[in-house]
Structure formats: C-alpha cells, structure tokens
Amino acid sequence: MINVTHIGGFKEAYERRFVVKDGERKPHWPVILVTLLKVGILLFSATLSQWNHEPDALAGCGCAAIFALLIARHLNKYVMDQKQQGVAGDSDN
C-alpha cells in the first residue's frame, strides 16, 4: 500500500511491474521479486504472534522485520534506479 500511495495510484504501481523492450511489454522481475519479499515480510509479521508467545522473541523478530523492510526498501530503490537508467540508456541509442 505504501508503494501505491507514494507512486500515485494503482495504475502507476501496476505499470512499474513491467518494462518495454523492443516494443514488447515484459515483466520486470527484480521489481516483482522485491514486492513479493515485502509482502512475505508483512505476512510473517502479521502472523508472528500465532507462532510465538514470548515477549523477548516477539520483540527481536519485530526488530528483524523492520530491518528486513529497510533492506527491501533499499533494494527497491536500487532496482527502480537501474530500471530508469536502462530506459534512459535505451532512448539515447
């Protein structure tokens, strides 16, 4: 949901999942994989209390989930920067 609100809407967020090469629209797998990673972290965090009831373990796993989301955000930024450079590089040739 954060990606949708920061990008500007569902259409824009959906379009980032694709890249146009040689006139064909193809899935941009790095963006899709980072999105799946973020969804997995979210689902793990949402169901964590069902697996463990120890406060220290829950706090540690919550902290680890926050750091994992931070890493996923940096991966997403890197992937999007690479995609934009690739598109810019293709238009120059």
PDB file of N, CA and C in Angstrom:
ATOM      1  N   MET A   1       0.817  -1.184   0.000  1.00  0.00           N
ATOM      2  CA  MET A   1       0.000   0.000   0.000  1.00  0.00           C
ATOM      3  C   MET A   1       0.868   1.258   0.000  1.00  0.00           C
ATOM      4  N   ILE A   2       2.006   1.176   0.670  1.00  0.00           N
ATOM      5  CA  ILE A   2       2.894   2.334   0.694  1.00  0.00           C
ATOM      6  C   ILE A   2       3.365   2.661  -0.729  1.00  0.00           C
ATOM      7  N   ASN A   3       3.712   1.636  -1.501  1.00  0.00           N
ATOM      8  CA  ASN A   3       4.143   1.885  -2.881  1.00  0.00           C
ATOM      9  C   ASN A   3       3.047   2.575  -3.682  1.00  0.00           C
ATOM     10  N   VAL A   4       1.809   2.153  -3.490  1.00  0.00           N
ATOM     11  CA  VAL A   4       0.700   2.732  -4.242  1.00  0.00           C
ATOM     12  C   VAL A   4       0.517   4.200  -3.884  1.00  0.00           C
ATOM     13  N   THR A   5       0.555   4.519  -2.598  1.00  0.00           N
ATOM     14  CA  THR A   5       0.342   5.903  -2.196  1.00  0.00           C
ATOM     15  C   THR A   5       1.521   6.791  -2.559  1.00  0.00           C
ATOM     16  N   HIS A   6       2.720   6.280  -2.540  1.00  0.00           N
ATOM     17  CA  HIS A   6       3.888   7.096  -2.880  1.00  0.00           C
ATOM     18  C   HIS A   6       4.043   7.277  -4.381  1.00  0.00           C
ATOM     19  N   ILE A   7       3.601   6.313  -5.143  1.00  0.00           N
ATOM     20  CA  ILE A   7       3.737   6.389  -6.603  1.00  0.00           C
ATOM     21  C   ILE A   7       2.637   7.248  -7.214  1.00  0.00           C
ATOM     22  N   GLY A   8       1.438   7.168  -6.669  1.00  0.00           N
ATOM     23  CA  GLY A   8       0.361   7.999  -7.190  1.00  0.00           C
ATOM     24  C   GLY A   8      -0.910   7.240  -7.512  1.00  0.00           C
ATOM     25  N   GLY A   9      -0.929   5.956  -7.355  1.00  0.00           N
ATOM     26  CA  GLY A   9      -2.153   5.212  -7.614  1.00  0.00           C
ATOM     27  C   GLY A   9      -1.864   3.791  -8.049  1.00  0.00           C
ATOM     28  N   PHE A  10      -2.929   3.021  -8.169  1.00  0.00           N
ATOM     29  CA  PHE A  10      -2.792   1.611  -8.526  1.00  0.00           C
ATOM     30  C   PHE A  10      -2.267   1.432  -9.944  1.00  0.00           C
ATOM     31  N   LYS A  11      -2.700   2.285 -10.877  1.00  0.00           N
ATOM     32  CA  LYS A  11      -2.261   2.144 -12.265  1.00  0.00           C
ATOM     33  C   LYS A  11      -0.754   2.339 -12.379  1.00  0.00           C
ATOM     34  N   GLU A  12      -0.230   3.382 -11.716  1.00  0.00           N
ATOM     35  CA  GLU A  12       1.203   3.651 -11.777  1.00  0.00           C
ATOM     36  C   GLU A  12       2.003   2.538 -11.104  1.00  0.00           C
ATOM     37  N   ALA A  13       1.497   2.045  -9.972  1.00  0.00           N
ATOM     38  CA  ALA A  13       2.178   0.958  -9.275  1.00  0.00           C
ATOM     39  C   ALA A  13       2.173  -0.313 -10.123  1.00  0.00           C
ATOM     40  N   TYR A  14       1.072  -0.576 -10.819  1.00  0.00           N
ATOM     41  CA  TYR A  14       0.988  -1.754 -11.682  1.00  0.00           C
ATOM     42  C   TYR A  14       1.947  -1.633 -12.862  1.00  0.00           C
ATOM     43  N   GLU A  15       2.061  -0.452 -13.432  1.00  0.00           N
ATOM     44  CA  GLU A  15       2.931  -0.250 -14.592  1.00  0.00           C
ATOM     45  C   GLU A  15       4.408  -0.438 -14.249  1.00  0.00           C
ATOM     46  N   ARG A  16       4.792  -0.210 -13.002  1.00  0.00           N
ATOM     47  CA  ARG A  16       6.200  -0.400 -12.611  1.00  0.00           C
ATOM     48  C   ARG A  16       6.604  -1.865 -12.634  1.00  0.00           C
ATOM     49  N   ARG A  17       5.656  -2.759 -12.686  1.00  0.00           N
ATOM     50  CA  ARG A  17       5.948  -4.188 -12.706  1.00  0.00           C
ATOM     51  C   ARG A  17       6.362  -4.667 -14.100  1.00  0.00           C
ATOM     52  N   PHE A  18       6.324  -3.755 -15.067  1.00  0.00           N
ATOM     53  CA  PHE A  18       6.634  -4.122 -16.451  1.00  0.00           C
ATOM     54  C   PHE A  18       7.708  -3.207 -17.019  1.00  0.00           C
ATOM     55  N   VAL A  19       8.384  -3.718 -18.032  1.00  0.00           N
ATOM     56  CA  VAL A  19       9.383  -2.950 -18.769  1.00  0.00           C
ATOM     57  C   VAL A  19       9.125  -3.193 -20.257  1.00  0.00           C
ATOM     58  N   VAL A  20       9.333  -2.165 -21.053  1.00  0.00           N
ATOM     59  CA  VAL A  20       9.118  -2.284 -22.502  1.00  0.00           C
ATOM     60  C   VAL A  20      10.477  -2.460 -23.171  1.00  0.00           C
ATOM     61  N   LYS A  21      10.629  -3.595 -23.855  1.00  0.00           N
ATOM     62  CA  LYS A  21      11.846  -3.876 -24.617  1.00  0.00           C
ATOM     63  C   LYS A  21      11.444  -4.312 -26.011  1.00  0.00           C
ATOM     64  N   ASP A  22      12.050  -3.678 -26.998  1.00  0.00           N
ATOM     65  CA  ASP A  22      11.781  -3.986 -28.409  1.00  0.00           C
ATOM     66  C   ASP A  22      10.293  -3.913 -28.722  1.00  0.00           C
ATOM     67  N   GLY A  23       9.606  -2.958 -28.125  1.00  0.00           N
ATOM     68  CA  GLY A  23       8.184  -2.780 -28.383  1.00  0.00           C
ATOM     69  C   GLY A  23       7.280  -3.759 -27.660  1.00  0.00           C
ATOM     70  N   GLU A  24       7.845  -4.667 -26.881  1.00  0.00           N
ATOM     71  CA  GLU A  24       7.049  -5.642 -26.132  1.00  0.00           C
ATOM     72  C   GLU A  24       7.069  -5.303 -24.655  1.00  0.00           C
ATOM     73  N   ARG A  25       5.949  -5.498 -24.017  1.00  0.00           N
ATOM     74  CA  ARG A  25       5.830  -5.266 -22.578  1.00  0.00           C
ATOM     75  C   ARG A  25       6.091  -6.577 -21.852  1.00  0.00           C
ATOM     76  N   LYS A  26       7.157  -6.597 -21.052  1.00  0.00           N
ATOM     77  CA  LYS A  26       7.562  -7.817 -20.356  1.00  0.00           C
ATOM     78  C   LYS A  26       7.610  -7.559 -18.854  1.00  0.00           C
ATOM     79  N   PRO A  27       7.425  -8.612 -18.055  1.00  0.00           N
ATOM     80  CA  PRO A  27       7.527  -8.427 -16.596  1.00  0.00           C
ATOM     81  C   PRO A  27       8.936  -7.993 -16.204  1.00  0.00           C
ATOM     82  N   HIS A  28       9.020  -7.070 -15.266  1.00  0.00           N
ATOM     83  CA  HIS A  28      10.317  -6.634 -14.739  1.00  0.00           C
ATOM     84  C   HIS A  28      10.525  -7.403 -13.440  1.00  0.00           C
ATOM     85  N   TRP A  29      11.175  -8.546 -13.534  1.00  0.00           N
ATOM     86  CA  TRP A  29      11.272  -9.494 -12.427  1.00  0.00           C
ATOM     87  C   TRP A  29      11.930  -8.949 -11.164  1.00  0.00           C
ATOM     88  N   PRO A  30      12.956  -8.130 -11.235  1.00  0.00           N
ATOM     89  CA  PRO A  30      13.517  -7.613  -9.974  1.00  0.00           C
ATOM     90  C   PRO A  30      12.491  -6.830  -9.144  1.00  0.00           C
ATOM     91  N   VAL A  31      11.673  -6.023  -9.797  1.00  0.00           N
ATOM     92  CA  VAL A  31      10.648  -5.265  -9.067  1.00  0.00           C
ATOM     93  C   VAL A  31       9.612  -6.220  -8.480  1.00  0.00           C
ATOM     94  N   ILE A  32       9.222  -7.215  -9.234  1.00  0.00           N
ATOM     95  CA  ILE A  32       8.234  -8.182  -8.760  1.00  0.00           C
ATOM     96  C   ILE A  32       8.776  -8.968  -7.573  1.00  0.00           C
ATOM     97  N   LEU A  33      10.034  -9.393  -7.631  1.00  0.00           N
ATOM     98  CA  LEU A  33      10.615 -10.167  -6.536  1.00  0.00           C
ATOM     99  C   LEU A  33      10.764  -9.337  -5.262  1.00  0.00           C
ATOM    100  N   VAL A  34      11.147  -8.080  -5.386  1.00  0.00           N
ATOM    101  CA  VAL A  34      11.253  -7.222  -4.199  1.00  0.00           C
ATOM    102  C   VAL A  34       9.874  -7.001  -3.587  1.00  0.00           C
ATOM    103  N   THR A  35       8.857  -6.847  -4.426  1.00  0.00           N
ATOM    104  CA  THR A  35       7.489  -6.687  -3.923  1.00  0.00           C
ATOM    105  C   THR A  35       7.037  -7.943  -3.190  1.00  0.00           C
ATOM    106  N   LEU A  36       7.338  -9.100  -3.743  1.00  0.00           N
ATOM    107  CA  LEU A  36       6.979 -10.358  -3.067  1.00  0.00           C
ATOM    108  C   LEU A  36       7.723 -10.505  -1.743  1.00  0.00           C
ATOM    109  N   LEU A  37       8.978 -10.066  -1.705  1.00  0.00           N
ATOM    110  CA  LEU A  37       9.737 -10.085  -0.456  1.00  0.00           C
ATOM    111  C   LEU A  37       9.053  -9.224   0.602  1.00  0.00           C
ATOM    112  N   LYS A  38       8.622  -8.034   0.213  1.00  0.00           N
ATOM    113  CA  LYS A  38       7.960  -7.134   1.153  1.00  0.00           C
ATOM    114  C   LYS A  38       6.634  -7.720   1.642  1.00  0.00           C
ATOM    115  N   VAL A  39       5.890  -8.339   0.746  1.00  0.00           N
ATOM    116  CA  VAL A  39       4.627  -8.973   1.144  1.00  0.00           C
ATOM    117  C   VAL A  39       4.902 -10.131   2.102  1.00  0.00           C
ATOM    118  N   GLY A  40       5.949 -10.907   1.837  1.00  0.00           N
ATOM    119  CA  GLY A  40       6.316 -12.011   2.728  1.00  0.00           C
ATOM    120  C   GLY A  40       6.694 -11.530   4.119  1.00  0.00           C
ATOM    121  N   ILE A  41       7.445 -10.439   4.192  1.00  0.00           N
ATOM    122  CA  ILE A  41       7.824  -9.878   5.495  1.00  0.00           C
ATOM    123  C   ILE A  41       6.580  -9.401   6.238  1.00  0.00           C
ATOM    124  N   LEU A  42       5.667  -8.769   5.509  1.00  0.00           N
ATOM    125  CA  LEU A  42       4.432  -8.293   6.122  1.00  0.00           C
ATOM    126  C   LEU A  42       3.596  -9.451   6.664  1.00  0.00           C
ATOM    127  N   LEU A  43       3.444 -10.511   5.875  1.00  0.00           N
ATOM    128  CA  LEU A  43       2.677 -11.675   6.326  1.00  0.00           C
ATOM    129  C   LEU A  43       3.354 -12.364   7.508  1.00  0.00           C
ATOM    130  N   PHE A  44       4.667 -12.455   7.478  1.00  0.00           N
ATOM    131  CA  PHE A  44       5.406 -13.024   8.605  1.00  0.00           C
ATOM    132  C   PHE A  44       5.143 -12.219   9.872  1.00  0.00           C
ATOM    133  N   SER A  45       5.216 -10.905   9.759  1.00  0.00           N
ATOM    134  CA  SER A  45       4.996 -10.042  10.922  1.00  0.00           C
ATOM    135  C   SER A  45       3.565 -10.146  11.436  1.00  0.00           C
ATOM    136  N   ALA A  46       2.621 -10.230  10.514  1.00  0.00           N
ATOM    137  CA  ALA A  46       1.210 -10.291  10.903  1.00  0.00           C
ATOM    138  C   ALA A  46       0.862 -11.588  11.623  1.00  0.00           C
ATOM    139  N   THR A  47       1.545 -12.680  11.287  1.00  0.00           N
ATOM    140  CA  THR A  47       1.210 -13.971  11.888  1.00  0.00           C
ATOM    141  C   THR A  47       2.204 -14.412  12.960  1.00  0.00           C
ATOM    142  N   LEU A  48       3.161 -13.579  13.282  1.00  0.00           N
ATOM    143  CA  LEU A  48       4.207 -13.948  14.232  1.00  0.00           C
ATOM    144  C   LEU A  48       3.657 -14.305  15.609  1.00  0.00           C
ATOM    145  N   SER A  49       2.642 -13.599  16.060  1.00  0.00           N
ATOM    146  CA  SER A  49       2.095 -13.862  17.395  1.00  0.00           C
ATOM    147  C   SER A  49       1.396 -15.223  17.479  1.00  0.00           C
ATOM    148  N   GLN A  50       1.096 -15.805  16.337  1.00  0.00           N
ATOM    149  CA  GLN A  50       0.476 -17.139  16.334  1.00  0.00           C
ATOM    150  C   GLN A  50       1.498 -18.241  16.571  1.00  0.00           C
ATOM    151  N   TRP A  51       2.751 -17.968  16.291  1.00  0.00           N
ATOM    152  CA  TRP A  51       3.801 -18.976  16.408  1.00  0.00           C
ATOM    153  C   TRP A  51       4.559 -18.892  17.716  1.00  0.00           C
ATOM    154  N   ASN A  52       4.640 -17.689  18.278  1.00  0.00           N
ATOM    155  CA  ASN A  52       5.483 -17.485  19.444  1.00  0.00           C
ATOM    156  C   ASN A  52       4.761 -16.554  20.422  1.00  0.00           C
ATOM    157  N   HIS A  53       4.910 -16.824  21.722  1.00  0.00           N
ATOM    158  CA  HIS A  53       4.235 -16.017  22.733  1.00  0.00           C
ATOM    159  C   HIS A  53       5.202 -15.384  23.720  1.00  0.00           C
ATOM    160  N   GLU A  54       6.500 -15.545  23.478  1.00  0.00           N
ATOM    161  CA  GLU A  54       7.496 -14.956  24.374  1.00  0.00           C
ATOM    162  C   GLU A  54       7.767 -13.508  23.970  1.00  0.00           C
ATOM    163  N   PRO A  55       7.612 -12.570  24.925  1.00  0.00           N
ATOM    164  CA  PRO A  55       7.780 -11.148  24.581  1.00  0.00           C
ATOM    165  C   PRO A  55       9.160 -10.805  24.015  1.00  0.00           C
ATOM    166  N   ASP A  56      10.212 -11.388  24.560  1.00  0.00           N
ATOM    167  CA  ASP A  56      11.560 -11.073  24.060  1.00  0.00           C
ATOM    168  C   ASP A  56      11.745 -11.544  22.621  1.00  0.00           C
ATOM    169  N   ALA A  57      11.248 -12.739  22.335  1.00  0.00           N
ATOM    170  CA  ALA A  57      11.370 -13.273  20.975  1.00  0.00           C
ATOM    171  C   ALA A  57      10.531 -12.455  19.992  1.00  0.00           C
ATOM    172  N   LEU A  58       9.332 -12.057  20.407  1.00  0.00           N
ATOM    173  CA  LEU A  58       8.484 -11.241  19.540  1.00  0.00           C
ATOM    174  C   LEU A  58       9.138  -9.894  19.249  1.00  0.00           C
ATOM    175  N   ALA A  59       9.732  -9.285  20.273  1.00  0.00           N
ATOM    176  CA  ALA A  59      10.411  -8.000  20.067  1.00  0.00           C
ATOM    177  C   ALA A  59      11.605  -8.150  19.137  1.00  0.00           C
ATOM    178  N   GLY A  60      12.374  -9.209  19.315  1.00  0.00           N
ATOM    179  CA  GLY A  60      13.521  -9.449  18.436  1.00  0.00           C
ATOM    180  C   GLY A  60      13.101  -9.694  16.998  1.00  0.00           C
ATOM    181  N   CYS A  61      12.058 -10.488  16.810  1.00  0.00           N
ATOM    182  CA  CYS A  61      11.573 -10.757  15.450  1.00  0.00           C
ATOM    183  C   CYS A  61      10.972  -9.503  14.825  1.00  0.00           C
ATOM    184  N   GLY A  62      10.304  -8.688  15.639  1.00  0.00           N
ATOM    185  CA  GLY A  62       9.761  -7.427  15.134  1.00  0.00           C
ATOM    186  C   GLY A  62      10.863  -6.491  14.677  1.00  0.00           C
ATOM    187  N   CYS A  63      11.926  -6.428  15.458  1.00  0.00           N
ATOM    188  CA  CYS A  63      13.079  -5.599  15.086  1.00  0.00           C
ATOM    189  C   CYS A  63      13.719  -6.122  13.798  1.00  0.00           C
ATOM    190  N   ALA A  64      13.847  -7.435  13.700  1.00  0.00           N
ATOM    191  CA  ALA A  64      14.418  -8.036  12.491  1.00  0.00           C
ATOM    192  C   ALA A  64      13.530  -7.752  11.277  1.00  0.00           C
ATOM    193  N   ALA A  65      12.212  -7.776  11.460  1.00  0.00           N
ATOM    194  CA  ALA A  65      11.289  -7.488  10.357  1.00  0.00           C
ATOM    195  C   ALA A  65      11.440  -6.040   9.897  1.00  0.00           C
ATOM    196  N   ILE A  66      11.634  -5.126  10.834  1.00  0.00           N
ATOM    197  CA  ILE A  66      11.828  -3.719  10.477  1.00  0.00           C
ATOM    198  C   ILE A  66      13.114  -3.549   9.668  1.00  0.00           C
ATOM    199  N   PHE A  67      14.187  -4.199  10.097  1.00  0.00           N
ATOM    200  CA  PHE A  67      15.439  -4.118   9.345  1.00  0.00           C
ATOM    201  C   PHE A  67      15.301  -4.781   7.974  1.00  0.00           C
ATOM    202  N   ALA A  68      14.550  -5.883   7.905  1.00  0.00           N
ATOM    203  CA  ALA A  68      14.328  -6.537   6.614  1.00  0.00           C
ATOM    204  C   ALA A  68      13.547  -5.624   5.674  1.00  0.00           C
ATOM    205  N   LEU A  69      12.562  -4.898   6.196  1.00  0.00           N
ATOM    206  CA  LEU A  69      11.821  -3.949   5.360  1.00  0.00           C
ATOM    207  C   LEU A  69      12.717  -2.793   4.910  1.00  0.00           C
ATOM    208  N   LEU A  70      13.625  -2.380   5.766  1.00  0.00           N
ATOM    209  CA  LEU A  70      14.588  -1.336   5.392  1.00  0.00           C
ATOM    210  C   LEU A  70      15.468  -1.804   4.236  1.00  0.00           C
ATOM    211  N   ILE A  71      15.949  -3.022   4.334  1.00  0.00           N
ATOM    212  CA  ILE A  71      16.772  -3.592   3.264  1.00  0.00           C
ATOM    213  C   ILE A  71      15.953  -3.724   1.981  1.00  0.00           C
ATOM    214  N   ALA A  72      14.698  -4.173   2.107  1.00  0.00           N
ATOM    215  CA  ALA A  72      13.832  -4.306   0.937  1.00  0.00           C
ATOM    216  C   ALA A  72      13.569  -2.942   0.291  1.00  0.00           C
ATOM    217  N   ARG A  73      13.445  -1.913   1.105  1.00  0.00           N
ATOM    218  CA  ARG A  73      13.243  -0.577   0.554  1.00  0.00           C
ATOM    219  C   ARG A  73      14.465  -0.130  -0.237  1.00  0.00           C
ATOM    220  N   HIS A  74      15.654  -0.380   0.292  1.00  0.00           N
ATOM    221  CA  HIS A  74      16.872  -0.014  -0.436  1.00  0.00           C
ATOM    222  C   HIS A  74      17.019  -0.844  -1.713  1.00  0.00           C
ATOM    223  N   LEU A  75      16.653  -2.116  -1.656  1.00  0.00           N
ATOM    224  CA  LEU A  75      16.662  -2.953  -2.871  1.00  0.00           C
ATOM    225  C   LEU A  75      15.697  -2.390  -3.911  1.00  0.00           C
ATOM    226  N   ASN A  76      14.508  -2.006  -3.464  1.00  0.00           N
ATOM    227  CA  ASN A  76      13.513  -1.457  -4.373  1.00  0.00           C
ATOM    228  C   ASN A  76      14.025  -0.178  -5.024  1.00  0.00           C
ATOM    229  N   LYS A  77      14.646   0.687  -4.236  1.00  0.00           N
ATOM    230  CA  LYS A  77      15.200   1.931  -4.776  1.00  0.00           C
ATOM    231  C   LYS A  77      16.301   1.622  -5.796  1.00  0.00           C
ATOM    232  N   TYR A  78      17.171   0.677  -5.474  1.00  0.00           N
ATOM    233  CA  TYR A  78      18.251   0.297  -6.392  1.00  0.00           C
ATOM    234  C   TYR A  78      17.681  -0.258  -7.697  1.00  0.00           C
ATOM    235  N   VAL A  79      16.699  -1.128  -7.591  1.00  0.00           N
ATOM    236  CA  VAL A  79      16.103  -1.748  -8.776  1.00  0.00           C
ATOM    237  C   VAL A  79      15.412  -0.698  -9.633  1.00  0.00           C
ATOM    238  N   MET A  80      14.680   0.222  -8.996  1.00  0.00           N
ATOM    239  CA  MET A  80      13.989   1.252  -9.770  1.00  0.00           C
ATOM    240  C   MET A  80      14.985   2.203 -10.430  1.00  0.00           C
ATOM    241  N   ASP A  81      16.076   2.519  -9.736  1.00  0.00           N
ATOM    242  CA  ASP A  81      17.107   3.373 -10.341  1.00  0.00           C
ATOM    243  C   ASP A  81      17.730   2.676 -11.549  1.00  0.00           C
ATOM    244  N   GLN A  82      17.983   1.372 -11.435  1.00  0.00           N
ATOM    245  CA  GLN A  82      18.544   0.625 -12.557  1.00  0.00           C
ATOM    246  C   GLN A  82      17.576   0.593 -13.729  1.00  0.00           C
ATOM    247  N   LYS A  83      16.284   0.447 -13.420  1.00  0.00           N
ATOM    248  CA  LYS A  83      15.275   0.406 -14.476  1.00  0.00           C
ATOM    249  C   LYS A  83      15.215   1.755 -15.196  1.00  0.00           C
ATOM    250  N   GLN A  84      15.235   2.852 -14.435  1.00  0.00           N
ATOM    251  CA  GLN A  84      15.170   4.177 -15.049  1.00  0.00           C
ATOM    252  C   GLN A  84      16.415   4.460 -15.880  1.00  0.00           C
ATOM    253  N   GLN A  85      17.585   4.034 -15.420  1.00  0.00           N
ATOM    254  CA  GLN A  85      18.810   4.221 -16.190  1.00  0.00           C
ATOM    255  C   GLN A  85      18.777   3.385 -17.457  1.00  0.00           C
ATOM    256  N   GLY A  86      18.219   2.175 -17.362  1.00  0.00           N
ATOM    257  CA  GLY A  86      18.113   1.318 -18.536  1.00  0.00           C
ATOM    258  C   GLY A  86      17.196   1.899 -19.577  1.00  0.00           C
ATOM    259  N   VAL A  87      16.081   2.460 -19.146  1.00  0.00           N
ATOM    260  CA  VAL A  87      15.137   3.084 -20.073  1.00  0.00           C
ATOM    261  C   VAL A  87      15.774   4.309 -20.688  1.00  0.00           C
ATOM    262  N   ALA A  88      16.472   5.129 -19.883  1.00  0.00           N
ATOM    263  CA  ALA A  88      17.134   6.324 -20.397  1.00  0.00           C
ATOM    264  C   ALA A  88      18.244   5.937 -21.370  1.00  0.00           C
ATOM    265  N   GLY A  89      18.975   4.873 -21.038  1.00  0.00           N
ATOM    266  CA  GLY A  89      20.056   4.428 -21.912  1.00  0.00           C
ATOM    267  C   GLY A  89      19.541   3.910 -23.246  1.00  0.00           C
ATOM    268  N   ASP A  90      18.360   3.251 -23.235  1.00  0.00           N
ATOM    269  CA  ASP A  90      17.795   2.737 -24.467  1.00  0.00           C
ATOM    270  C   ASP A  90      17.342   3.865 -25.386  1.00  0.00           C
ATOM    271  N   SER A  91      16.850   4.965 -24.801  1.00  0.00           N
ATOM    272  CA  SER A  91      16.356   6.046 -25.638  1.00  0.00           C
ATOM    273  C   SER A  91      17.494   6.854 -26.260  1.00  0.00           C
ATOM    274  N   ASP A  92      18.679   6.811 -25.664  1.00  0.00           N
ATOM    275  CA  ASP A  92      19.801   7.549 -26.204  1.00  0.00           C
ATOM    276  C   ASP A  92      20.386   6.883 -27.454  1.00  0.00           C
ATOM    277  N   ASN A  93      20.223   5.568 -27.560  1.00  0.00           N
ATOM    278  CA  ASN A  93      20.808   4.848 -28.699  1.00  0.00           C
ATOM    279  C   ASN A  93      19.934   4.889 -29.895  1.00  0.00           C
TER     280      ASN A  93
END
